[in-house]
Amino acid sequence: MRVKKKKRVLLITYYWPPGGGITVLRCLKLSKYLRQFGWEPIIYTAQNAHYPTLDYSNEKDIVPDLEIIKGKIWEPYHIYKFITGKKKDANVNNVFYTDDDKKGLLHNLSVWIRSNFFIPDARARWIKPSVQLLTKYLDEHPVDAIISNGPPHSNTRIATQLKKKFNIPWLADFQDPWTQVDYFKLLKLSKRSLQKHQNMEREVFKYADAISIVSKQWKSDLESIGARDVEIIPWGYDSSDYTSLNKTNNPKFTISHLGIMGYDRNPTVLFEVLASMLMDNPSLAHDLELKLIGQVDFTVRSSIKKYKLEPYTDYTGSVSRNEALTMAYNSSVLLLLINQQQNAKGRIPGKLFEYMALRRSILSLALQNGDVSKILSETNAGTSLEYNDKNGIRDYLSEKYTEFKSGKINSPVNSQINRYSNQETTKQFAAILDKISTPS
């Protein structure tokens, strides 16, 4: 019997193990399952990347005999650290989220330089050498399709230029939008730099054979500025990540948040509600724990201090993914904070699906009628409330605290979450690749 040969797809991604955090998972999980759907992935990534966090446990998901090509990259973060006095190991990839309020002139100057001399992003100096390296590779090792994953949109730019050279079927995948992403307006762009971003983005719409993005609202947003027939492929979860988590008899009513807690996700009303509940319920003062796992902006720390919640707060910092999932697994409530920005209705954080897989109650604070609230409703995984809904937040936390005291912590998630498994999302990617790589 003749075995059908797998097609080859070049997957261009900056984030790759040992990089940590949620961002690395989109391409890592995709590469893990693509072979099941007839596609052999070839990874192109950075050789010496400046990742915000490291997590070597992610290497377990790299499939055997995976071809990985690495290109040297120069990034400007060490210069930023030098001129702003940051430590060598400081996490400065998220320059808009800081641990203190001392940004100052040097910080603002650095953001201006980054905005206007590194387009589309801080990895811009990686584009030209990557195109040169991959041009040589593709001349000798043809592929049937290309997937680029952005941001960083240097990945997208590399794919654009390869498409022009080789006319290989190309799927441009967006974890976040480009010019429509919430932090784009914080860049200190000149008119010329803004035009350059917009021209690059329009080239994606012109040359990509297919475009995918993670939410329904963002699909509409992209199509409103010229993208055509955008496919929705959400983030997902990998069931194999949850089989070895250790359950502990946590004596605390733990409310946990995983990931960046930026200035635009500062839940001041939630903190106010917790402070009020502590005054009204003496037992809660003994039971409460607020666990913040990841980077926390100084504005959030100031709010916690204002409402005298510091004795109940654990600033855990960055930990391995397995440690973070274990902490979340042993929590009573998982906090999901959606950016308070104009495009927030379409933001679906990757951790939403990890939260659902943990089967713990989710409290999301977000604009109503957003994509997150719809998913929570259809899966019965939790509730979504407005940031300023004081009564709603209090009622929800009071209900969950009562359940905690009775020994109940599981969330009644229904079978609808199965559609968000990484196998299912990879199947969607493969279907698009099949479509664009098949001669018409």
Protein backbone atom coordinates (compact mmCIF):
# COMPACT_ATOMS: atom_id res chain seq x y z
CA MET A 1 0.00 0.00 0.00
CA ARG A 2 1.40 3.38 -1.00
CA VAL A 3 1.80 5.78 1.94
CA LYS A 4 0.62 9.31 1.19
CA LYS A 5 3.50 11.75 1.55
CA LYS A 6 2.99 14.57 4.04
CA LYS A 7 3.02 18.08 2.69
CA ARG A 8 5.63 20.45 4.16
CA VAL A 9 4.77 23.75 5.83
CA LEU A 10 7.28 26.36 6.96
CA LEU A 11 6.10 27.85 10.27
CA ILE A 12 7.68 31.25 10.99
CA THR A 13 7.55 32.09 14.70
CA TYR A 14 9.68 34.24 16.98
CA TYR A 15 8.34 32.58 20.14
CA TRP A 16 9.67 29.07 20.68
CA PRO A 17 11.04 27.07 23.63
CA PRO A 18 12.74 27.87 25.89
CA GLY A 19 10.53 30.95 25.70
CA GLY A 20 7.83 30.96 28.38
CA GLY A 21 4.39 32.45 28.75
CA ILE A 22 1.20 31.89 26.80
CA THR A 23 2.44 33.39 23.51
CA VAL A 24 4.76 30.50 22.70
CA LEU A 25 1.91 27.97 22.77
CA ARG A 26 0.13 28.94 19.53
CA CYS A 27 2.87 27.60 17.25
CA LEU A 28 4.25 24.99 19.64
CA LYS A 29 0.91 23.18 19.93
CA LEU A 30 0.25 23.63 16.22
CA SER A 31 3.53 21.93 15.38
CA LYS A 32 2.75 19.17 17.89
CA TYR A 33 -0.45 18.08 16.12
CA LEU A 34 0.02 19.03 12.45
CA ARG A 35 1.39 15.62 11.52
CA GLN A 36 -1.95 14.06 12.45
CA PHE A 37 -3.51 16.02 9.59
CA GLY A 38 -1.01 15.28 6.84
CA TRP A 39 1.38 18.22 7.28
CA GLU A 40 5.05 18.12 8.26
CA PRO A 41 6.04 21.36 10.05
CA ILE A 42 9.43 23.01 9.60
CA ILE A 43 10.09 25.64 12.24
CA TYR A 44 11.93 28.89 11.63
CA THR A 45 12.69 30.82 14.82
CA ALA A 46 15.27 33.07 16.49
CA GLN A 47 18.59 31.65 17.61
CA ASN A 48 19.31 33.98 20.54
CA ALA A 49 15.97 35.63 21.27
CA HIS A 50 15.37 37.99 24.18
CA TYR A 51 12.36 36.22 25.68
CA PRO A 52 10.56 37.94 28.58
CA THR A 53 10.51 34.64 30.50
CA LEU A 54 12.08 31.22 30.09
CA ASP A 55 10.31 27.90 30.65
CA TYR A 56 12.25 24.81 29.65
CA SER A 57 9.29 22.57 30.47
CA ASN A 58 7.75 23.60 27.12
CA GLU A 59 10.40 21.55 25.33
CA LYS A 60 8.42 18.38 26.11
CA ASP A 61 5.97 19.38 23.34
CA ILE A 62 8.60 19.51 20.60
CA VAL A 63 7.82 16.45 18.49
CA PRO A 64 10.63 13.99 17.63
CA ASP A 65 12.70 14.69 14.51
CA LEU A 66 11.16 18.15 14.07
CA GLU A 67 13.24 20.25 11.68
CA ILE A 68 14.08 23.54 13.35
CA ILE A 69 15.92 26.33 11.54
CA LYS A 70 17.28 29.18 13.64
CA GLY A 71 18.43 32.58 12.48
CA LYS A 72 20.52 34.96 14.57
CA ILE A 73 18.65 37.98 15.83
CA TRP A 74 19.73 41.35 17.18
CA GLU A 75 17.31 43.03 19.56
CA PRO A 76 17.52 46.49 21.15
CA TYR A 77 16.39 45.54 24.65
CA HIS A 78 19.89 45.51 26.17
CA ILE A 79 20.29 49.15 25.04
CA TYR A 80 16.96 50.07 26.62
CA LYS A 81 18.04 48.45 29.89
CA PHE A 82 21.35 50.30 29.82
CA ILE A 83 19.96 53.79 29.24
CA THR A 84 17.08 53.34 31.71
CA GLY A 85 19.17 51.68 34.42
CA LYS A 86 17.30 48.38 34.35
CA LYS A 87 18.91 45.17 35.54
CA LYS A 88 20.29 42.81 32.89
CA ASP A 89 17.66 40.17 33.68
CA ALA A 90 14.72 42.62 33.83
CA ASN A 91 11.62 41.82 31.75
CA VAL A 92 11.29 44.85 29.46
CA ASN A 93 9.56 43.30 26.46
CA ASN A 94 6.30 44.79 27.71
CA VAL A 95 7.55 48.37 27.86
CA PHE A 96 4.09 49.77 28.58
CA TYR A 97 3.74 47.76 31.82
CA THR A 98 6.16 48.69 34.56
CA ASP A 99 6.90 47.75 38.15
CA ASP A 100 7.26 51.37 39.24
CA ASP A 101 6.11 54.81 38.19
CA LYS A 102 9.58 56.17 37.40
CA LYS A 103 9.40 56.05 33.62
CA GLY A 104 11.02 59.40 33.03
CA LEU A 105 12.50 61.06 29.97
CA LEU A 106 14.84 58.19 29.07
CA HIS A 107 11.98 55.69 29.03
CA ASN A 108 9.87 57.94 26.82
CA LEU A 109 12.82 58.56 24.51
CA SER A 110 13.39 54.81 24.26
CA VAL A 111 9.75 54.21 23.33
CA TRP A 112 10.01 56.93 20.64
CA ILE A 113 13.15 55.31 19.18
CA ARG A 114 11.54 51.88 19.29
CA SER A 115 8.39 53.26 17.61
CA ASN A 116 10.10 55.01 14.71
CA PHE A 117 13.32 53.12 14.05
CA PHE A 118 12.15 49.55 14.63
CA ILE A 119 9.21 48.93 12.32
CA PRO A 120 7.11 46.86 12.60
CA ASP A 121 8.55 45.96 16.03
CA ALA A 122 11.69 45.49 18.09
CA ARG A 123 12.67 42.43 16.01
CA ALA A 124 12.81 44.43 12.76
CA ARG A 125 16.57 43.84 12.33
CA TRP A 126 15.76 40.12 12.04
CA ILE A 127 13.75 40.49 8.83
CA LYS A 128 16.46 40.95 6.19
CA PRO A 129 18.85 38.19 7.38
CA SER A 130 15.88 35.84 7.84
CA VAL A 131 14.69 36.38 4.28
CA GLN A 132 18.22 35.75 3.02
CA LEU A 133 18.60 32.55 5.07
CA LEU A 134 15.17 31.22 4.14
CA THR A 135 15.59 32.09 0.48
CA LYS A 136 18.62 29.82 0.36
CA TYR A 137 16.78 27.13 2.32
CA LEU A 138 13.68 27.20 0.10
CA ASP A 139 15.78 27.05 -3.06
CA GLU A 140 17.12 23.72 -1.84
CA HIS A 141 14.19 22.44 0.24
CA PRO A 142 10.81 23.43 -1.27
CA VAL A 143 7.72 23.59 0.93
CA ASP A 144 4.04 23.42 0.07
CA ALA A 145 2.90 26.31 2.29
CA ILE A 146 4.01 28.94 4.79
CA ILE A 147 2.39 29.99 8.08
CA SER A 148 3.50 33.20 9.78
CA ASN A 149 2.45 33.98 13.31
CA GLY A 150 2.29 37.53 14.60
CA PRO A 151 2.94 39.48 16.65
CA PRO A 152 5.74 40.15 16.49
CA HIS A 153 4.86 41.19 12.98
CA SER A 154 8.47 40.90 11.92
CA ASN A 155 7.37 37.29 11.40
CA THR A 156 4.58 38.51 9.14
CA ARG A 157 6.98 40.76 7.25
CA ILE A 158 9.42 37.89 6.62
CA ALA A 159 6.55 35.84 5.17
CA THR A 160 5.40 38.75 2.99
CA GLN A 161 8.80 39.00 1.34
CA LEU A 162 9.08 35.24 0.88
CA LYS A 163 5.65 35.21 -0.73
CA LYS A 164 6.81 37.84 -3.21
CA LYS A 165 9.92 35.82 -4.05
CA PHE A 166 8.47 32.31 -4.31
CA ASN A 167 4.67 32.69 -4.52
CA ILE A 168 4.28 29.86 -2.00
CA PRO A 169 0.74 29.55 -0.54
CA TRP A 170 0.78 31.63 2.66
CA LEU A 171 -1.48 31.66 5.73
CA ALA A 172 -0.96 34.81 7.82
CA ASP A 173 -2.06 34.04 11.38
CA PHE A 174 -2.72 36.83 13.88
CA GLN A 175 -2.64 36.21 17.63
CA ASP A 176 -3.22 39.95 17.99
CA PRO A 177 -4.05 42.51 15.30
CA TRP A 178 -1.38 44.80 13.86
CA THR A 179 -2.42 48.46 13.66
CA GLN A 180 -5.64 47.70 15.54
CA VAL A 181 -4.00 46.15 18.62
CA ASP A 182 -4.70 48.02 21.85
CA TYR A 183 -1.13 49.14 22.56
CA PHE A 184 -0.55 50.44 18.99
CA LYS A 185 -1.88 53.86 19.92
CA LEU A 186 0.72 54.06 22.72
CA LEU A 187 3.55 53.99 20.19
CA LYS A 188 5.02 57.44 19.63
CA LEU A 189 4.74 57.29 15.85
CA SER A 190 5.54 59.98 13.33
CA LYS A 191 3.15 60.30 10.37
CA ARG A 192 5.73 58.62 8.16
CA SER A 193 6.14 55.70 10.58
CA LEU A 194 2.38 55.24 10.88
CA GLN A 195 2.09 55.16 7.09
CA LYS A 196 4.83 52.55 6.93
CA HIS A 197 2.96 50.29 9.36
CA GLN A 198 -0.26 50.68 7.39
CA ASN A 199 1.45 49.94 4.06
CA MET A 200 3.05 46.79 5.46
CA GLU A 201 -0.29 45.64 6.85
CA ARG A 202 -2.02 46.23 3.51
CA GLU A 203 0.63 44.11 1.80
CA VAL A 204 -0.43 41.20 4.03
CA PHE A 205 -4.02 41.63 2.87
CA LYS A 206 -2.83 41.75 -0.75
CA TYR A 207 -0.43 38.81 -0.83
CA ALA A 208 -1.63 36.33 1.82
CA ASP A 209 -3.64 33.41 0.41
CA ALA A 210 -5.49 33.13 3.73
CA ILE A 211 -5.66 35.08 6.99
CA SER A 212 -6.67 33.79 10.41
CA ILE A 213 -7.28 35.52 13.73
CA VAL A 214 -8.44 34.43 17.17
CA SER A 215 -11.86 36.06 17.57
CA LYS A 216 -15.04 36.98 15.74
CA GLN A 217 -14.85 40.70 16.56
CA TRP A 218 -11.24 40.97 15.43
CA LYS A 219 -12.16 39.21 12.18
CA SER A 220 -14.71 41.96 11.54
CA ASP A 221 -12.19 44.63 12.50
CA LEU A 222 -9.58 43.26 10.07
CA GLU A 223 -12.07 42.99 7.24
CA SER A 224 -13.13 46.60 7.85
CA ILE A 225 -9.64 47.78 6.81
CA GLY A 226 -9.25 45.57 3.75
CA ALA A 227 -8.61 41.96 4.78
CA ARG A 228 -10.68 39.37 2.88
CA ASP A 229 -12.40 36.21 4.10
CA VAL A 230 -10.63 36.07 7.45
CA GLU A 231 -10.90 32.72 9.25
CA ILE A 232 -11.44 32.47 13.02
CA ILE A 233 -9.11 30.04 14.78
CA PRO A 234 -9.24 30.59 18.55
CA TRP A 235 -6.63 29.80 21.12
CA GLY A 236 -7.11 26.40 22.70
CA TYR A 237 -5.97 24.00 25.37
CA ASP A 238 -4.00 20.77 25.31
CA SER A 239 -5.62 18.13 27.52
CA SER A 240 -2.24 16.43 28.04
CA ASP A 241 -1.08 19.47 30.04
CA TYR A 242 -3.58 18.75 32.83
CA THR A 243 -3.07 15.06 33.55
CA SER A 244 -0.20 15.45 36.03
CA LEU A 245 -1.29 18.48 38.05
CA ASN A 246 -1.15 17.87 41.79
CA LYS A 247 -4.25 18.66 43.76
CA THR A 248 -3.61 19.99 47.25
CA ASN A 249 -5.94 20.60 50.14
CA ASN A 250 -5.67 24.36 49.85
CA PRO A 251 -7.09 25.87 53.06
CA LYS A 252 -7.40 29.29 51.46
CA PHE A 253 -10.15 30.84 49.37
CA THR A 254 -7.70 31.62 46.58
CA ILE A 255 -8.47 34.03 43.76
CA SER A 256 -5.73 33.65 41.14
CA HIS A 257 -4.69 35.60 38.07
CA LEU A 258 -2.19 34.25 35.53
CA GLY A 259 -0.17 36.49 33.23
CA ILE A 260 0.42 40.21 32.83
CA MET A 261 -1.71 42.46 35.03
CA GLY A 262 -1.26 45.77 33.23
CA TYR A 263 -2.47 49.27 33.97
CA ASP A 264 -5.43 48.73 31.64
CA ARG A 265 -6.51 45.64 33.59
CA ASN A 266 -6.49 47.23 37.03
CA PRO A 267 -9.63 45.87 38.82
CA THR A 268 -10.00 48.64 41.41
CA VAL A 269 -13.69 47.91 42.06
CA LEU A 270 -12.88 44.24 42.65
CA PHE A 271 -10.31 45.27 45.26
CA GLU A 272 -12.84 47.63 46.83
CA VAL A 273 -15.38 44.80 47.01
CA LEU A 274 -12.87 42.45 48.63
CA ALA A 275 -11.96 45.10 51.21
CA SER A 276 -15.67 45.53 52.02
CA MET A 277 -16.25 41.78 52.26
CA LEU A 278 -13.31 41.45 54.64
CA MET A 279 -14.87 44.01 56.96
CA ASP A 280 -18.26 42.29 56.84
CA ASN A 281 -17.09 38.70 57.18
CA PRO A 282 -14.41 37.91 59.79
CA SER A 283 -13.92 34.34 58.49
CA LEU A 284 -12.94 35.65 55.06
CA ALA A 285 -10.08 37.55 56.67
CA HIS A 286 -8.70 34.16 57.69
CA ASP A 287 -9.42 32.42 54.38
CA LEU A 288 -8.67 34.94 51.61
CA GLU A 289 -5.64 34.72 49.35
CA LEU A 290 -5.12 36.81 46.21
CA LYS A 291 -2.46 35.13 44.06
CA LEU A 292 -0.99 37.15 41.19
CA ILE A 293 1.19 34.98 38.96
CA GLY A 294 3.22 37.03 36.49
CA GLN A 295 4.12 40.65 35.83
CA VAL A 296 2.08 43.23 37.79
CA ASP A 297 2.00 46.92 36.87
CA PHE A 298 2.71 49.48 39.59
CA THR A 299 -0.82 50.92 39.26
CA VAL A 300 -2.28 47.55 40.28
CA ARG A 301 0.10 47.31 43.24
CA SER A 302 -0.95 50.82 44.28
CA SER A 303 -4.63 49.84 44.20
CA ILE A 304 -3.96 46.76 46.32
CA LYS A 305 -2.12 48.93 48.82
CA LYS A 306 -4.94 51.51 48.80
CA TYR A 307 -7.52 48.90 49.81
CA LYS A 308 -5.20 47.33 52.39
CA LEU A 309 -5.08 43.98 50.62
CA GLU A 310 -1.32 43.55 50.80
CA PRO A 311 -1.49 41.04 53.71
CA TYR A 312 -3.70 38.82 51.54
CA THR A 313 -1.74 39.19 48.29
CA ASP A 314 0.91 36.83 46.99
CA TYR A 315 2.99 38.39 44.19
CA THR A 316 4.20 35.09 42.83
CA GLY A 317 6.04 36.49 39.82
CA SER A 318 6.98 34.41 36.79
CA VAL A 319 7.04 30.64 37.25
CA SER A 320 7.06 27.65 34.92
CA ARG A 321 3.85 26.90 33.09
CA ASN A 322 3.31 23.68 35.03
CA GLU A 323 3.72 25.54 38.32
CA ALA A 324 1.28 28.24 37.18
CA LEU A 325 -1.32 25.69 36.10
CA THR A 326 -0.92 23.81 39.38
CA MET A 327 -1.48 27.00 41.37
CA ALA A 328 -4.54 27.81 39.27
CA TYR A 329 -5.82 24.24 39.65
CA ASN A 330 -5.72 24.67 43.42
CA SER A 331 -7.64 27.95 43.37
CA SER A 332 -11.31 28.64 44.05
CA VAL A 333 -11.76 31.42 41.47
CA LEU A 334 -9.71 32.26 38.38
CA LEU A 335 -9.61 35.92 37.46
CA LEU A 336 -9.69 36.86 33.77
CA LEU A 337 -9.11 40.55 33.09
CA ILE A 338 -9.75 41.92 29.61
CA ASN A 339 -7.93 45.09 28.56
CA GLN A 340 -10.01 48.19 29.03
CA GLN A 341 -9.37 49.35 25.49
CA GLN A 342 -11.39 50.13 22.36
CA ASN A 343 -10.91 46.72 20.75
CA ALA A 344 -11.53 44.75 23.95
CA LYS A 345 -14.67 43.03 22.65
CA GLY A 346 -12.52 40.89 20.38
CA ARG A 347 -9.77 40.08 22.88
CA ILE A 348 -9.86 36.44 23.95
CA PRO A 349 -6.78 35.72 26.09
CA GLY A 350 -5.19 32.32 25.58
CA LYS A 351 -5.48 31.69 29.30
CA LEU A 352 -9.28 31.61 29.02
CA PHE A 353 -9.07 28.14 27.49
CA GLU A 354 -6.49 27.01 30.03
CA TYR A 355 -8.80 28.21 32.79
CA MET A 356 -11.70 26.26 31.27
CA ALA A 357 -9.61 23.09 31.06
CA LEU A 358 -8.81 23.44 34.77
CA ARG A 359 -12.55 23.39 35.54
CA ARG A 360 -12.43 26.15 38.10
CA SER A 361 -14.91 29.02 38.27
CA ILE A 362 -13.92 31.97 36.10
CA LEU A 363 -14.69 35.58 36.90
CA SER A 364 -14.06 37.74 33.85
CA LEU A 365 -14.10 41.53 34.02
CA ALA A 366 -14.70 42.96 30.58
CA LEU A 367 -17.00 44.92 28.33
CA GLN A 368 -20.28 43.10 27.97
CA ASN A 369 -21.29 41.38 24.72
CA GLY A 370 -17.64 40.66 23.99
CA ASP A 371 -16.40 37.38 22.60
CA VAL A 372 -15.19 36.19 26.03
CA SER A 373 -18.59 36.58 27.66
CA LYS A 374 -20.18 34.56 24.84
CA ILE A 375 -17.70 31.70 25.27
CA LEU A 376 -18.17 31.65 29.04
CA SER A 377 -21.92 31.49 28.54
CA GLU A 378 -21.87 28.69 25.95
CA THR A 379 -19.45 26.55 28.00
CA ASN A 380 -20.92 27.37 31.43
CA ALA A 381 -17.38 28.04 32.64
CA GLY A 382 -18.01 31.24 34.59
CA THR A 383 -19.39 34.73 34.34
CA SER A 384 -18.39 38.02 32.75
CA LEU A 385 -19.11 41.33 34.48
CA GLU A 386 -18.29 44.97 33.90
CA TYR A 387 -15.24 46.28 35.77
CA ASN A 388 -17.45 48.68 37.75
CA ASP A 389 -20.27 46.22 38.55
CA LYS A 390 -19.79 46.36 42.31
CA ASN A 391 -22.94 44.45 43.20
CA GLY A 392 -22.40 41.77 40.58
CA ILE A 393 -18.80 41.19 41.65
CA ARG A 394 -19.79 40.99 45.31
CA ASP A 395 -22.65 38.57 44.62
CA TYR A 396 -20.44 36.30 42.52
CA LEU A 397 -17.57 36.20 45.01
CA SER A 398 -19.98 35.68 47.92
CA GLU A 399 -21.52 32.73 46.09
CA LYS A 400 -18.12 31.20 45.37
CA TYR A 401 -16.98 31.75 48.95
CA THR A 402 -20.06 29.93 50.19
CA GLU A 403 -19.26 27.07 47.82
CA PHE A 404 -15.66 27.05 49.07
CA LYS A 405 -16.81 26.74 52.68
CA SER A 406 -18.99 23.77 51.67
CA GLY A 407 -16.04 22.08 49.88
CA LYS A 408 -17.09 22.77 46.28
CA ILE A 409 -14.59 24.25 43.83
CA ASN A 410 -15.26 22.53 40.48
CA SER A 411 -16.92 24.52 37.73
CA PRO A 412 -19.73 22.75 35.79
CA VAL A 413 -18.03 23.23 32.40
CA ASN A 414 -19.95 21.49 29.63
CA SER A 415 -18.82 19.54 26.58
CA GLN A 416 -18.72 22.68 24.42
CA ILE A 417 -15.12 23.23 25.54
CA ASN A 418 -14.04 20.23 23.41
CA ARG A 419 -14.19 22.41 20.30
CA TYR A 420 -11.30 24.42 21.75
CA SER A 421 -8.84 21.55 22.12
CA ASN A 422 -5.52 22.04 20.32
CA GLN A 423 -6.29 19.02 18.16
CA GLU A 424 -9.44 20.76 16.90
CA THR A 425 -7.74 24.11 16.29
CA THR A 426 -4.88 22.36 14.46
CA LYS A 427 -7.46 20.60 12.31
CA GLN A 428 -8.75 24.04 11.31
CA PHE A 429 -5.26 25.21 10.38
CA ALA A 430 -4.68 22.05 8.32
CA ALA A 431 -7.97 22.50 6.45
CA ILE A 432 -6.91 26.01 5.41
CA LEU A 433 -3.49 24.75 4.32
CA ASP A 434 -5.14 22.00 2.27
CA LYS A 435 -7.35 24.57 0.59
CA ILE A 436 -4.68 27.12 -0.34
CA SER A 437 -2.10 24.52 -1.42
CA THR A 438 -4.44 22.58 -3.72
CA PRO A 439 -4.23 23.71 -7.38
CA SER A 440 -7.52 25.21 -8.55
